PDB file of N, CA and C in Angstrom:
ATOM      1  N   MET A   1      -2.020  11.166   5.175  1.00  0.00           N
ATOM      2  CA  MET A   1      -1.923  10.575   3.849  1.00  0.00           C
ATOM      3  C   MET A   1      -2.480   9.155   3.903  1.00  0.00           C
ATOM      4  N   ALA A   2      -3.539   8.908   3.205  1.00  0.00           N
ATOM      5  CA  ALA A   2      -4.138   7.578   3.174  1.00  0.00           C
ATOM      6  C   ALA A   2      -3.786   6.879   1.862  1.00  0.00           C
ATOM      7  N   ILE A   3      -3.709   5.571   1.929  1.00  0.00           N
ATOM      8  CA  ILE A   3      -3.457   4.751   0.751  1.00  0.00           C
ATOM      9  C   ILE A   3      -4.817   4.445   0.142  1.00  0.00           C
ATOM     10  N   THR A   4      -5.068   4.966  -1.049  1.00  0.00           N
ATOM     11  CA  THR A   4      -6.420   4.884  -1.596  1.00  0.00           C
ATOM     12  C   THR A   4      -6.570   3.956  -2.791  1.00  0.00           C
ATOM     13  N   LYS A   5      -5.477   3.492  -3.365  1.00  0.00           N
ATOM     14  CA  LYS A   5      -5.609   2.636  -4.551  1.00  0.00           C
ATOM     15  C   LYS A   5      -5.501   1.163  -4.164  1.00  0.00           C
ATOM     16  N   SER A   6      -5.761   0.298  -5.102  1.00  0.00           N
ATOM     17  CA  SER A   6      -5.586  -1.129  -4.892  1.00  0.00           C
ATOM     18  C   SER A   6      -4.130  -1.378  -4.532  1.00  0.00           C
ATOM     19  N   THR A   7      -3.907  -2.190  -3.523  1.00  0.00           N
ATOM     20  CA  THR A   7      -2.589  -2.239  -2.911  1.00  0.00           C
ATOM     21  C   THR A   7      -2.119  -3.660  -2.624  1.00  0.00           C
ATOM     22  N   SER A   8      -0.878  -3.962  -3.023  1.00  0.00           N
ATOM     23  CA  SER A   8      -0.250  -5.225  -2.636  1.00  0.00           C
ATOM     24  C   SER A   8       0.587  -4.959  -1.386  1.00  0.00           C
ATOM     25  N   VAL A   9       0.492  -5.884  -0.418  1.00  0.00           N
ATOM     26  CA  VAL A   9       1.146  -5.700   0.874  1.00  0.00           C
ATOM     27  C   VAL A   9       2.057  -6.885   1.175  1.00  0.00           C
ATOM     28  N   PHE A  10       3.232  -6.563   1.675  1.00  0.00           N
ATOM     29  CA  PHE A  10       4.232  -7.549   2.099  1.00  0.00           C
ATOM     30  C   PHE A  10       4.423  -7.364   3.598  1.00  0.00           C
ATOM     31  N   ILE A  11       4.284  -8.444   4.375  1.00  0.00           N
ATOM     32  CA  ILE A  11       4.375  -8.385   5.832  1.00  0.00           C
ATOM     33  C   ILE A  11       5.718  -8.946   6.284  1.00  0.00           C
ATOM     34  N   VAL A  12       6.460  -8.148   7.057  1.00  0.00           N
ATOM     35  CA  VAL A  12       7.743  -8.577   7.614  1.00  0.00           C
ATOM     36  C   VAL A  12       7.610  -8.520   9.137  1.00  0.00           C
ATOM     37  N   GLU A  13       7.442  -9.696   9.728  1.00  0.00           N
ATOM     38  CA  GLU A  13       7.158  -9.829  11.171  1.00  0.00           C
ATOM     39  C   GLU A  13       7.617 -11.207  11.609  1.00  0.00           C
ATOM     40  N   ASP A  14       8.357 -11.285  12.720  1.00  0.00           N
ATOM     41  CA  ASP A  14       8.883 -12.584  13.155  1.00  0.00           C
ATOM     42  C   ASP A  14       7.854 -13.447  13.880  1.00  0.00           C
ATOM     43  N   SER A  15       6.801 -12.878  14.388  1.00  0.00           N
ATOM     44  CA  SER A  15       5.777 -13.651  15.105  1.00  0.00           C
ATOM     45  C   SER A  15       4.669 -14.095  14.146  1.00  0.00           C
ATOM     46  N   SER A  16       4.476 -15.408  14.054  1.00  0.00           N
ATOM     47  CA  SER A  16       3.411 -15.911  13.174  1.00  0.00           C
ATOM     48  C   SER A  16       2.035 -15.478  13.690  1.00  0.00           C
ATOM     49  N   VAL A  17       1.892 -15.331  14.994  1.00  0.00           N
ATOM     50  CA  VAL A  17       0.620 -14.887  15.574  1.00  0.00           C
ATOM     51  C   VAL A  17       0.316 -13.452  15.133  1.00  0.00           C
ATOM     52  N   ILE A  18       1.317 -12.604  15.189  1.00  0.00           N
ATOM     53  CA  ILE A  18       1.123 -11.208  14.782  1.00  0.00           C
ATOM     54  C   ILE A  18       0.901 -11.115  13.274  1.00  0.00           C
ATOM     55  N   ARG A  19       1.640 -11.918  12.486  1.00  0.00           N
ATOM     56  CA  ARG A  19       1.418 -11.920  11.032  1.00  0.00           C
ATOM     57  C   ARG A  19      -0.030 -12.291  10.716  1.00  0.00           C
ATOM     58  N   THR A  20      -0.537 -13.307  11.398  1.00  0.00           N
ATOM     59  CA  THR A  20      -1.926 -13.728  11.194  1.00  0.00           C
ATOM     60  C   THR A  20      -2.887 -12.611  11.570  1.00  0.00           C
ATOM     61  N   ARG A  21      -2.616 -11.945  12.662  1.00  0.00           N
ATOM     62  CA  ARG A  21      -3.475 -10.842  13.105  1.00  0.00           C
ATOM     63  C   ARG A  21      -3.470  -9.706  12.076  1.00  0.00           C
ATOM     64  N   ILE A  22      -2.292  -9.392  11.545  1.00  0.00           N
ATOM     65  CA  ILE A  22      -2.193  -8.347  10.516  1.00  0.00           C
ATOM     66  C   ILE A  22      -3.001  -8.762   9.283  1.00  0.00           C
ATOM     67  N   LYS A  23      -2.836 -10.018   8.851  1.00  0.00           N
ATOM     68  CA  LYS A  23      -3.573 -10.502   7.676  1.00  0.00           C
ATOM     69  C   LYS A  23      -5.078 -10.440   7.898  1.00  0.00           C
ATOM     70  N   MET A  24      -5.525 -10.769   9.114  1.00  0.00           N
ATOM     71  CA  MET A  24      -6.955 -10.704   9.423  1.00  0.00           C
ATOM     72  C   MET A  24      -7.470  -9.267   9.318  1.00  0.00           C
ATOM     73  N   LEU A  25      -6.700  -8.328   9.837  1.00  0.00           N
ATOM     74  CA  LEU A  25      -7.099  -6.919   9.751  1.00  0.00           C
ATOM     75  C   LEU A  25      -7.142  -6.454   8.298  1.00  0.00           C
ATOM     76  N   LEU A  26      -6.117  -6.815   7.537  1.00  0.00           N
ATOM     77  CA  LEU A  26      -6.051  -6.375   6.146  1.00  0.00           C
ATOM     78  C   LEU A  26      -7.098  -7.053   5.267  1.00  0.00           C
ATOM     79  N   ALA A  27      -7.533  -8.238   5.650  1.00  0.00           N
ATOM     80  CA  ALA A  27      -8.576  -8.946   4.895  1.00  0.00           C
ATOM     81  C   ALA A  27      -9.888  -8.162   4.906  1.00  0.00           C
ATOM     82  N   GLU A  28     -10.051  -7.296   5.879  1.00  0.00           N
ATOM     83  CA  GLU A  28     -11.257  -6.476   5.990  1.00  0.00           C
ATOM     84  C   GLU A  28     -11.259  -5.317   4.989  1.00  0.00           C
ATOM     85  N   VAL A  29     -10.099  -5.042   4.412  1.00  0.00           N
ATOM     86  CA  VAL A  29      -9.971  -3.921   3.480  1.00  0.00           C
ATOM     87  C   VAL A  29     -10.035  -4.466   2.060  1.00  0.00           C
ATOM     88  N   GLU A  30     -11.062  -4.087   1.345  1.00  0.00           N
ATOM     89  CA  GLU A  30     -11.366  -4.658   0.044  1.00  0.00           C
ATOM     90  C   GLU A  30     -10.223  -4.537  -0.968  1.00  0.00           C
ATOM     91  N   LYS A  31      -9.561  -3.424  -1.009  1.00  0.00           N
ATOM     92  CA  LYS A  31      -8.566  -3.173  -2.053  1.00  0.00           C
ATOM     93  C   LYS A  31      -7.158  -3.660  -1.710  1.00  0.00           C
ATOM     94  N   VAL A  32      -6.991  -4.363  -0.597  1.00  0.00           N
ATOM     95  CA  VAL A  32      -5.676  -4.812  -0.150  1.00  0.00           C
ATOM     96  C   VAL A  32      -5.504  -6.309  -0.386  1.00  0.00           C
ATOM     97  N   LYS A  33      -4.332  -6.675  -0.902  1.00  0.00           N
ATOM     98  CA  LYS A  33      -4.001  -8.087  -1.077  1.00  0.00           C
ATOM     99  C   LYS A  33      -2.611  -8.339  -0.495  1.00  0.00           C
ATOM    100  N   VAL A  34      -2.521  -9.250   0.475  1.00  0.00           N
ATOM    101  CA  VAL A  34      -1.225  -9.639   1.030  1.00  0.00           C
ATOM    102  C   VAL A  34      -0.561 -10.566   0.017  1.00  0.00           C
ATOM    103  N   VAL A  35       0.631 -10.172  -0.454  1.00  0.00           N
ATOM    104  CA  VAL A  35       1.311 -10.921  -1.502  1.00  0.00           C
ATOM    105  C   VAL A  35       2.505 -11.730  -0.997  1.00  0.00           C
ATOM    106  N   GLY A  36       2.893 -11.516   0.266  1.00  0.00           N
ATOM    107  CA  GLY A  36       4.012 -12.277   0.801  1.00  0.00           C
ATOM    108  C   GLY A  36       4.283 -11.944   2.252  1.00  0.00           C
ATOM    109  N   GLU A  37       5.132 -12.802   2.853  1.00  0.00           N
ATOM    110  CA  GLU A  37       5.492 -12.656   4.261  1.00  0.00           C
ATOM    111  C   GLU A  37       6.937 -13.063   4.449  1.00  0.00           C
ATOM    112  N   ALA A  38       7.571 -12.496   5.475  1.00  0.00           N
ATOM    113  CA  ALA A  38       8.924 -12.900   5.861  1.00  0.00           C
ATOM    114  C   ALA A  38       9.064 -12.690   7.361  1.00  0.00           C
ATOM    115  N   ASP A  39       9.971 -13.481   7.979  1.00  0.00           N
ATOM    116  CA  ASP A  39      10.176 -13.349   9.416  1.00  0.00           C
ATOM    117  C   ASP A  39      11.597 -12.912   9.778  1.00  0.00           C
ATOM    118  N   CYS A  40      12.452 -12.713   8.766  1.00  0.00           N
ATOM    119  CA  CYS A  40      13.824 -12.272   9.025  1.00  0.00           C
ATOM    120  C   CYS A  40      14.256 -11.318   7.913  1.00  0.00           C
ATOM    121  N   ALA A  41      15.314 -10.581   8.158  1.00  0.00           N
ATOM    122  CA  ALA A  41      15.778  -9.574   7.198  1.00  0.00           C
ATOM    123  C   ALA A  41      16.198 -10.190   5.868  1.00  0.00           C
ATOM    124  N   VAL A  42      16.911 -11.296   5.906  1.00  0.00           N
ATOM    125  CA  VAL A  42      17.390 -11.923   4.669  1.00  0.00           C
ATOM    126  C   VAL A  42      16.223 -12.283   3.757  1.00  0.00           C
ATOM    127  N   ASP A  43      15.219 -12.955   4.309  1.00  0.00           N
ATOM    128  CA  ASP A  43      14.049 -13.330   3.510  1.00  0.00           C
ATOM    129  C   ASP A  43      13.246 -12.108   3.079  1.00  0.00           C
ATOM    130  N   ALA A  44      13.152 -11.117   3.956  1.00  0.00           N
ATOM    131  CA  ALA A  44      12.395  -9.916   3.626  1.00  0.00           C
ATOM    132  C   ALA A  44      12.994  -9.223   2.408  1.00  0.00           C
ATOM    133  N   ILE A  45      14.300  -9.075   2.386  1.00  0.00           N
ATOM    134  CA  ILE A  45      14.961  -8.407   1.265  1.00  0.00           C
ATOM    135  C   ILE A  45      14.897  -9.285   0.014  1.00  0.00           C
ATOM    136  N   LYS A  46      15.116 -10.588   0.188  1.00  0.00           N
ATOM    137  CA  LYS A  46      15.078 -11.525  -0.941  1.00  0.00           C
ATOM    138  C   LYS A  46      13.705 -11.530  -1.609  1.00  0.00           C
ATOM    139  N   PHE A  47      12.658 -11.746  -0.821  1.00  0.00           N
ATOM    140  CA  PHE A  47      11.310 -11.840  -1.384  1.00  0.00           C
ATOM    141  C   PHE A  47      10.747 -10.463  -1.744  1.00  0.00           C
ATOM    142  N   GLY A  48      11.017  -9.488  -0.914  1.00  0.00           N
ATOM    143  CA  GLY A  48      10.522  -8.139  -1.176  1.00  0.00           C
ATOM    144  C   GLY A  48      11.060  -7.563  -2.471  1.00  0.00           C
ATOM    145  N   SER A  49      12.324  -7.846  -2.765  1.00  0.00           N
ATOM    146  CA  SER A  49      12.918  -7.322  -4.003  1.00  0.00           C
ATOM    147  C   SER A  49      12.354  -8.016  -5.243  1.00  0.00           C
ATOM    148  N   LYS A  50      11.822  -9.221  -5.086  1.00  0.00           N
ATOM    149  CA  LYS A  50      11.174  -9.921  -6.199  1.00  0.00           C
ATOM    150  C   LYS A  50       9.715  -9.495  -6.343  1.00  0.00           C
ATOM    151  N   LEU A  51       9.029  -9.353  -5.203  1.00  0.00           N
ATOM    152  CA  LEU A  51       7.602  -9.018  -5.221  1.00  0.00           C
ATOM    153  C   LEU A  51       7.334  -7.557  -5.563  1.00  0.00           C
ATOM    154  N   LEU A  52       8.226  -6.671  -5.122  1.00  0.00           N
ATOM    155  CA  LEU A  52       8.054  -5.228  -5.288  1.00  0.00           C
ATOM    156  C   LEU A  52       6.628  -4.781  -4.935  1.00  0.00           C
ATOM    157  N   PRO A  53       6.243  -5.006  -3.675  1.00  0.00           N
ATOM    158  CA  PRO A  53       4.885  -4.649  -3.246  1.00  0.00           C
ATOM    159  C   PRO A  53       4.690  -3.132  -3.197  1.00  0.00           C
ATOM    160  N   ASP A  54       3.440  -2.727  -3.104  1.00  0.00           N
ATOM    161  CA  ASP A  54       3.132  -1.307  -2.929  1.00  0.00           C
ATOM    162  C   ASP A  54       3.441  -0.859  -1.507  1.00  0.00           C
ATOM    163  N   VAL A  55       3.157  -1.761  -0.543  1.00  0.00           N
ATOM    164  CA  VAL A  55       3.276  -1.438   0.878  1.00  0.00           C
ATOM    165  C   VAL A  55       3.984  -2.574   1.606  1.00  0.00           C
ATOM    166  N   MET A  56       4.811  -2.205   2.587  1.00  0.00           N
ATOM    167  CA  MET A  56       5.441  -3.195   3.463  1.00  0.00           C
ATOM    168  C   MET A  56       5.066  -2.844   4.901  1.00  0.00           C
ATOM    169  N   VAL A  57       4.507  -3.818   5.619  1.00  0.00           N
ATOM    170  CA  VAL A  57       4.259  -3.680   7.053  1.00  0.00           C
ATOM    171  C   VAL A  57       5.451  -4.334   7.728  1.00  0.00           C
ATOM    172  N   LEU A  58       6.176  -3.578   8.544  1.00  0.00           N
ATOM    173  CA  LEU A  58       7.488  -3.987   9.021  1.00  0.00           C
ATOM    174  C   LEU A  58       7.630  -3.870  10.526  1.00  0.00           C
ATOM    175  N   ASP A  59       8.111  -4.935  11.143  1.00  0.00           N
ATOM    176  CA  ASP A  59       8.482  -4.921  12.557  1.00  0.00           C
ATOM    177  C   ASP A  59       9.954  -4.529  12.650  1.00  0.00           C
ATOM    178  N   ILE A  60      10.355  -3.913  13.735  1.00  0.00           N
ATOM    179  CA  ILE A  60      11.769  -3.550  13.914  1.00  0.00           C
ATOM    180  C   ILE A  60      12.581  -4.738  14.407  1.00  0.00           C
ATOM    181  N   ASN A  61      12.018  -5.513  15.311  1.00  0.00           N
ATOM    182  CA  ASN A  61      12.734  -6.653  15.887  1.00  0.00           C
ATOM    183  C   ASN A  61      12.343  -7.927  15.139  1.00  0.00           C
ATOM    184  N   LEU A  62      13.329  -8.530  14.445  1.00  0.00           N
ATOM    185  CA  LEU A  62      13.058  -9.730  13.651  1.00  0.00           C
ATOM    186  C   LEU A  62      13.854 -10.917  14.187  1.00  0.00           C
ATOM    187  N   LEU A  63      13.670 -12.087  13.585  1.00  0.00           N
ATOM    188  CA  LEU A  63      14.380 -13.293  14.021  1.00  0.00           C
ATOM    189  C   LEU A  63      15.886 -13.081  14.050  1.00  0.00           C
ATOM    190  N   GLY A  64      16.530 -13.755  14.992  1.00  0.00           N
ATOM    191  CA  GLY A  64      17.981 -13.626  15.126  1.00  0.00           C
ATOM    192  C   GLY A  64      18.333 -12.228  15.591  1.00  0.00           C
ATOM    193  N   ASN A  65      19.400 -11.704  15.074  1.00  0.00           N
ATOM    194  CA  ASN A  65      19.819 -10.351  15.418  1.00  0.00           C
ATOM    195  C   ASN A  65      19.389  -9.340  14.363  1.00  0.00           C
ATOM    196  N   ASP A  66      18.493  -9.763  13.497  1.00  0.00           N
ATOM    197  CA  ASP A  66      18.054  -8.891  12.412  1.00  0.00           C
ATOM    198  C   ASP A  66      17.204  -7.741  12.931  1.00  0.00           C
ATOM    199  N   THR A  67      17.309  -6.637  12.225  1.00  0.00           N
ATOM    200  CA  THR A  67      16.437  -5.516  12.547  1.00  0.00           C
ATOM    201  C   THR A  67      15.677  -5.078  11.308  1.00  0.00           C
ATOM    202  N   GLY A  68      14.513  -4.556  11.551  1.00  0.00           N
ATOM    203  CA  GLY A  68      13.716  -4.011  10.474  1.00  0.00           C
ATOM    204  C   GLY A  68      14.387  -2.809   9.826  1.00  0.00           C
ATOM    205  N   PHE A  69      15.280  -2.139  10.567  1.00  0.00           N
ATOM    206  CA  PHE A  69      15.983  -0.994   9.993  1.00  0.00           C
ATOM    207  C   PHE A  69      16.807  -1.412   8.779  1.00  0.00           C
ATOM    208  N   LEU A  70      17.442  -2.573   8.862  1.00  0.00           N
ATOM    209  CA  LEU A  70      18.202  -3.087   7.721  1.00  0.00           C
ATOM    210  C   LEU A  70      17.271  -3.325   6.535  1.00  0.00           C
ATOM    211  N   VAL A  71      16.139  -3.942   6.799  1.00  0.00           N
ATOM    212  CA  VAL A  71      15.158  -4.213   5.745  1.00  0.00           C
ATOM    213  C   VAL A  71      14.668  -2.901   5.138  1.00  0.00           C
ATOM    214  N   LEU A  72      14.315  -1.959   5.977  1.00  0.00           N
ATOM    215  CA  LEU A  72      13.815  -0.671   5.507  1.00  0.00           C
ATOM    216  C   LEU A  72      14.848   0.023   4.621  1.00  0.00           C
ATOM    217  N   LYS A  73      16.071   0.072   5.078  1.00  0.00           N
ATOM    218  CA  LYS A  73      17.148   0.727   4.328  1.00  0.00           C
ATOM    219  C   LYS A  73      17.354   0.066   2.962  1.00  0.00           C
ATOM    220  N   GLU A  74      17.448  -1.249   2.947  1.00  0.00           N
ATOM    221  CA  GLU A  74      17.702  -1.976   1.696  1.00  0.00           C
ATOM    222  C   GLU A  74      16.519  -1.928   0.746  1.00  0.00           C
ATOM    223  N   MET A  75      15.322  -2.096   1.286  1.00  0.00           N
ATOM    224  CA  MET A  75      14.139  -2.089   0.417  1.00  0.00           C
ATOM    225  C   MET A  75      13.892  -0.713  -0.187  1.00  0.00           C
ATOM    226  N   LYS A  76      14.200   0.348   0.526  1.00  0.00           N
ATOM    227  CA  LYS A  76      14.044   1.695  -0.030  1.00  0.00           C
ATOM    228  C   LYS A  76      15.062   1.935  -1.148  1.00  0.00           C
ATOM    229  N   LYS A  77      16.247   1.306  -1.058  1.00  0.00           N
ATOM    230  CA  LYS A  77      17.226   1.401  -2.149  1.00  0.00           C
ATOM    231  C   LYS A  77      16.704   0.673  -3.387  1.00  0.00           C
ATOM    232  N   ILE A  78      16.156  -0.521  -3.167  1.00  0.00           N
ATOM    233  CA  ILE A  78      15.668  -1.368  -4.255  1.00  0.00           C
ATOM    234  C   ILE A  78      14.376  -0.825  -4.858  1.00  0.00           C
ATOM    235  N   HIS A  79      13.507  -0.329  -4.001  1.00  0.00           N
ATOM    236  CA  HIS A  79      12.148   0.065  -4.398  1.00  0.00           C
ATOM    237  C   HIS A  79      11.803   1.395  -3.714  1.00  0.00           C
ATOM    238  N   PRO A  80      12.340   2.501  -4.214  1.00  0.00           N
ATOM    239  CA  PRO A  80      12.186   3.804  -3.544  1.00  0.00           C
ATOM    240  C   PRO A  80      10.750   4.249  -3.296  1.00  0.00           C
ATOM    241  N   SER A  81       9.810   3.823  -4.120  1.00  0.00           N
ATOM    242  CA  SER A  81       8.422   4.256  -3.933  1.00  0.00           C
ATOM    243  C   SER A  81       7.646   3.386  -2.942  1.00  0.00           C
ATOM    244  N   LEU A  82       8.303   2.401  -2.359  1.00  0.00           N
ATOM    245  CA  LEU A  82       7.664   1.508  -1.389  1.00  0.00           C
ATOM    246  C   LEU A  82       7.126   2.307  -0.206  1.00  0.00           C
ATOM    247  N   ILE A  83       5.858   2.114   0.088  1.00  0.00           N
ATOM    248  CA  ILE A  83       5.257   2.722   1.276  1.00  0.00           C
ATOM    249  C   ILE A  83       5.497   1.764   2.437  1.00  0.00           C
ATOM    250  N   THR A  84       6.078   2.280   3.509  1.00  0.00           N
ATOM    251  CA  THR A  84       6.420   1.427   4.639  1.00  0.00           C
ATOM    252  C   THR A  84       5.672   1.837   5.894  1.00  0.00           C
ATOM    253  N   ILE A  85       5.050   0.833   6.514  1.00  0.00           N
ATOM    254  CA  ILE A  85       4.347   0.999   7.782  1.00  0.00           C
ATOM    255  C   ILE A  85       5.139   0.229   8.832  1.00  0.00           C
ATOM    256  N   VAL A  86       5.762   0.933   9.757  1.00  0.00           N
ATOM    257  CA  VAL A  86       6.462   0.275  10.847  1.00  0.00           C
ATOM    258  C   VAL A  86       5.438   0.023  11.949  1.00  0.00           C
ATOM    259  N   LEU A  87       5.346  -1.237  12.365  1.00  0.00           N
ATOM    260  CA  LEU A  87       4.428  -1.665  13.427  1.00  0.00           C
ATOM    261  C   LEU A  87       5.280  -2.427  14.433  1.00  0.00           C
ATOM    262  N   THR A  88       5.527  -1.822  15.599  1.00  0.00           N
ATOM    263  CA  THR A  88       6.533  -2.356  16.501  1.00  0.00           C
ATOM    264  C   THR A  88       6.197  -2.156  17.976  1.00  0.00           C
ATOM    265  N   ASN A  89       6.835  -2.966  18.809  1.00  0.00           N
ATOM    266  CA  ASN A  89       6.772  -2.754  20.255  1.00  0.00           C
ATOM    267  C   ASN A  89       7.833  -1.748  20.696  1.00  0.00           C
ATOM    268  N   TYR A  90       8.766  -1.441  19.821  1.00  0.00           N
ATOM    269  CA  TYR A  90       9.830  -0.469  20.099  1.00  0.00           C
ATOM    270  C   TYR A  90       9.373   0.899  19.606  1.00  0.00           C
ATOM    271  N   ALA A  91       8.416   1.463  20.306  1.00  0.00           N
ATOM    272  CA  ALA A  91       7.735   2.650  19.801  1.00  0.00           C
ATOM    273  C   ALA A  91       8.189   3.953  20.456  1.00  0.00           C
ATOM    274  N   ASP A  92       9.403   3.975  20.983  1.00  0.00           N
ATOM    275  CA  ASP A  92       9.843   5.236  21.577  1.00  0.00           C
ATOM    276  C   ASP A  92      10.367   6.185  20.500  1.00  0.00           C
ATOM    277  N   ALA A  93      10.642   7.411  20.902  1.00  0.00           N
ATOM    278  CA  ALA A  93      10.984   8.482  19.965  1.00  0.00           C
ATOM    279  C   ALA A  93      12.214   8.174  19.119  1.00  0.00           C
ATOM    280  N   GLN A  94      13.228   7.533  19.694  1.00  0.00           N
ATOM    281  CA  GLN A  94      14.449   7.275  18.912  1.00  0.00           C
ATOM    282  C   GLN A  94      14.197   6.294  17.775  1.00  0.00           C
ATOM    283  N   TYR A  95      13.356   5.288  18.003  1.00  0.00           N
ATOM    284  CA  TYR A  95      13.030   4.323  16.950  1.00  0.00           C
ATOM    285  C   TYR A  95      12.154   4.960  15.874  1.00  0.00           C
ATOM    286  N   LYS A  96      11.226   5.804  16.308  1.00  0.00           N
ATOM    287  CA  LYS A  96      10.375   6.499  15.340  1.00  0.00           C
ATOM    288  C   LYS A  96      11.232   7.414  14.469  1.00  0.00           C
ATOM    289  N   LYS A  97      12.133   8.146  15.089  1.00  0.00           N
ATOM    290  CA  LYS A  97      13.007   9.065  14.350  1.00  0.00           C
ATOM    291  C   LYS A  97      13.866   8.310  13.342  1.00  0.00           C
ATOM    292  N   LYS A  98      14.464   7.199  13.776  1.00  0.00           N
ATOM    293  CA  LYS A  98      15.310   6.427  12.873  1.00  0.00           C
ATOM    294  C   LYS A  98      14.484   5.843  11.723  1.00  0.00           C
ATOM    295  N   SER A  99      13.286   5.359  12.031  1.00  0.00           N
ATOM    296  CA  SER A  99      12.395   4.830  10.991  1.00  0.00           C
ATOM    297  C   SER A  99      12.093   5.899   9.951  1.00  0.00           C
ATOM    298  N   GLU A 100      11.768   7.089  10.420  1.00  0.00           N
ATOM    299  CA  GLU A 100      11.459   8.191   9.508  1.00  0.00           C
ATOM    300  C   GLU A 100      12.688   8.579   8.677  1.00  0.00           C
ATOM    301  N   GLU A 101      13.858   8.607   9.307  1.00  0.00           N
ATOM    302  CA  GLU A 101      15.097   8.944   8.593  1.00  0.00           C
ATOM    303  C   GLU A 101      15.386   7.940   7.479  1.00  0.00           C
ATOM    304  N   LEU A 102      15.013   6.680   7.695  1.00  0.00           N
ATOM    305  CA  LEU A 102      15.249   5.635   6.698  1.00  0.00           C
ATOM    306  C   LEU A 102      14.129   5.546   5.656  1.00  0.00           C
ATOM    307  N   GLY A 103      13.096   6.362   5.827  1.00  0.00           N
ATOM    308  CA  GLY A 103      12.059   6.432   4.809  1.00  0.00           C
ATOM    309  C   GLY A 103      10.709   5.844   5.155  1.00  0.00           C
ATOM    310  N   ALA A 104      10.490   5.464   6.415  1.00  0.00           N
ATOM    311  CA  ALA A 104       9.172   4.934   6.792  1.00  0.00           C
ATOM    312  C   ALA A 104       8.109   6.013   6.624  1.00  0.00           C
ATOM    313  N   ASN A 105       6.965   5.616   6.121  1.00  0.00           N
ATOM    314  CA  ASN A 105       5.856   6.544   5.922  1.00  0.00           C
ATOM    315  C   ASN A 105       4.951   6.639   7.131  1.00  0.00           C
ATOM    316  N   TYR A 106       4.829   5.541   7.866  1.00  0.00           N
ATOM    317  CA  TYR A 106       3.962   5.471   9.037  1.00  0.00           C
ATOM    318  C   TYR A 106       4.683   4.713  10.148  1.00  0.00           C
ATOM    319  N   PHE A 107       4.311   4.999  11.401  1.00  0.00           N
ATOM    320  CA  PHE A 107       4.924   4.351  12.554  1.00  0.00           C
ATOM    321  C   PHE A 107       3.842   4.123  13.601  1.00  0.00           C
ATOM    322  N   PHE A 108       3.635   2.859  13.987  1.00  0.00           N
ATOM    323  CA  PHE A 108       2.606   2.510  14.965  1.00  0.00           C
ATOM    324  C   PHE A 108       3.160   1.622  16.065  1.00  0.00           C
ATOM    325  N   ASP A 109       2.648   1.836  17.260  1.00  0.00           N
ATOM    326  CA  ASP A 109       2.988   1.034  18.433  1.00  0.00           C
ATOM    327  C   ASP A 109       2.041  -0.171  18.485  1.00  0.00           C
ATOM    328  N   LYS A 110       2.627  -1.380  18.456  1.00  0.00           N
ATOM    329  CA  LYS A 110       1.797  -2.593  18.497  1.00  0.00           C
ATOM    330  C   LYS A 110       0.915  -2.657  19.734  1.00  0.00           C
ATOM    331  N   SER A 111       1.422  -2.163  20.846  1.00  0.00           N
ATOM    332  CA  SER A 111       0.694  -2.336  22.099  1.00  0.00           C
ATOM    333  C   SER A 111      -0.584  -1.509  22.186  1.00  0.00           C
ATOM    334  N   ASN A 112      -0.639  -0.368  21.501  1.00  0.00           N
ATOM    335  CA  ASN A 112      -1.863   0.418  21.622  1.00  0.00           C
ATOM    336  C   ASN A 112      -2.349   1.049  20.317  1.00  0.00           C
ATOM    337  N   GLN A 113      -1.680   0.764  19.191  1.00  0.00           N
ATOM    338  CA  GLN A 113      -2.117   1.331  17.917  1.00  0.00           C
ATOM    339  C   GLN A 113      -2.283   0.264  16.833  1.00  0.00           C
ATOM    340  N   PHE A 114      -2.339  -0.987  17.227  1.00  0.00           N
ATOM    341  CA  PHE A 114      -2.376  -2.082  16.260  1.00  0.00           C
ATOM    342  C   PHE A 114      -3.501  -1.897  15.245  1.00  0.00           C
ATOM    343  N   ASN A 115      -4.696  -1.684  15.729  1.00  0.00           N
ATOM    344  CA  ASN A 115      -5.855  -1.544  14.835  1.00  0.00           C
ATOM    345  C   ASN A 115      -5.841  -0.234  14.054  1.00  0.00           C
ATOM    346  N   GLU A 116      -5.105   0.766  14.547  1.00  0.00           N
ATOM    347  CA  GLU A 116      -4.992   2.045  13.847  1.00  0.00           C
ATOM    348  C   GLU A 116      -4.257   1.881  12.519  1.00  0.00           C
ATOM    349  N   MET A 117      -3.353   0.913  12.457  1.00  0.00           N
ATOM    350  CA  MET A 117      -2.539   0.699  11.270  1.00  0.00           C
ATOM    351  C   MET A 117      -3.393   0.517  10.028  1.00  0.00           C
ATOM    352  N   VAL A 118      -4.484  -0.180  10.140  1.00  0.00           N
ATOM    353  CA  VAL A 118      -5.322  -0.478   8.975  1.00  0.00           C
ATOM    354  C   VAL A 118      -6.017   0.781   8.438  1.00  0.00           C
ATOM    355  N   LYS A 119      -6.128   1.802   9.244  1.00  0.00           N
ATOM    356  CA  LYS A 119      -6.800   3.032   8.824  1.00  0.00           C
ATOM    357  C   LYS A 119      -6.061   3.760   7.710  1.00  0.00           C
ATOM    358  N   VAL A 120      -4.773   3.486   7.531  1.00  0.00           N
ATOM    359  CA  VAL A 120      -4.032   4.157   6.446  1.00  0.00           C
ATOM    360  C   VAL A 120      -4.497   3.683   5.083  1.00  0.00           C
ATOM    361  N   PHE A 121      -5.237   2.595   5.027  1.00  0.00           N
ATOM    362  CA  PHE A 121      -5.745   2.058   3.757  1.00  0.00           C
ATOM    363  C   PHE A 121      -7.124   2.587   3.393  1.00  0.00           C
ATOM    364  N   ASN A 122      -7.675   3.456   4.204  1.00  0.00           N
ATOM    365  CA  ASN A 122      -9.027   3.984   3.959  1.00  0.00           C
ATOM    366  C   ASN A 122      -8.999   5.390   3.415  1.00  0.00           C
TER     367      ASN A 122
END
């Protein structure tokens, strides 16, 4: 399933370096516009619920003790049609399964699938 329409994207990632890398990749896709960023669950839910983006790129491990699972669960309640791309270093089967159970549409391993993530927009 590819995302084919003009798309607003919200990035939830605790590393500013990784956020920048994601933005650089998405800048290559004509129909994508990054509309916001957050580095912790509280900000992700606060800003995400106001922005109501089409897509959220989400890390599982966030600042403090926050997890992307909390963000995913809450954002799907607030915005059920939100397309979620989990991009994480925690790419084993249990994390993928939990992400899918909470409504993630895509799941990518940062260490070897980082650039693959952008292909869902083509």
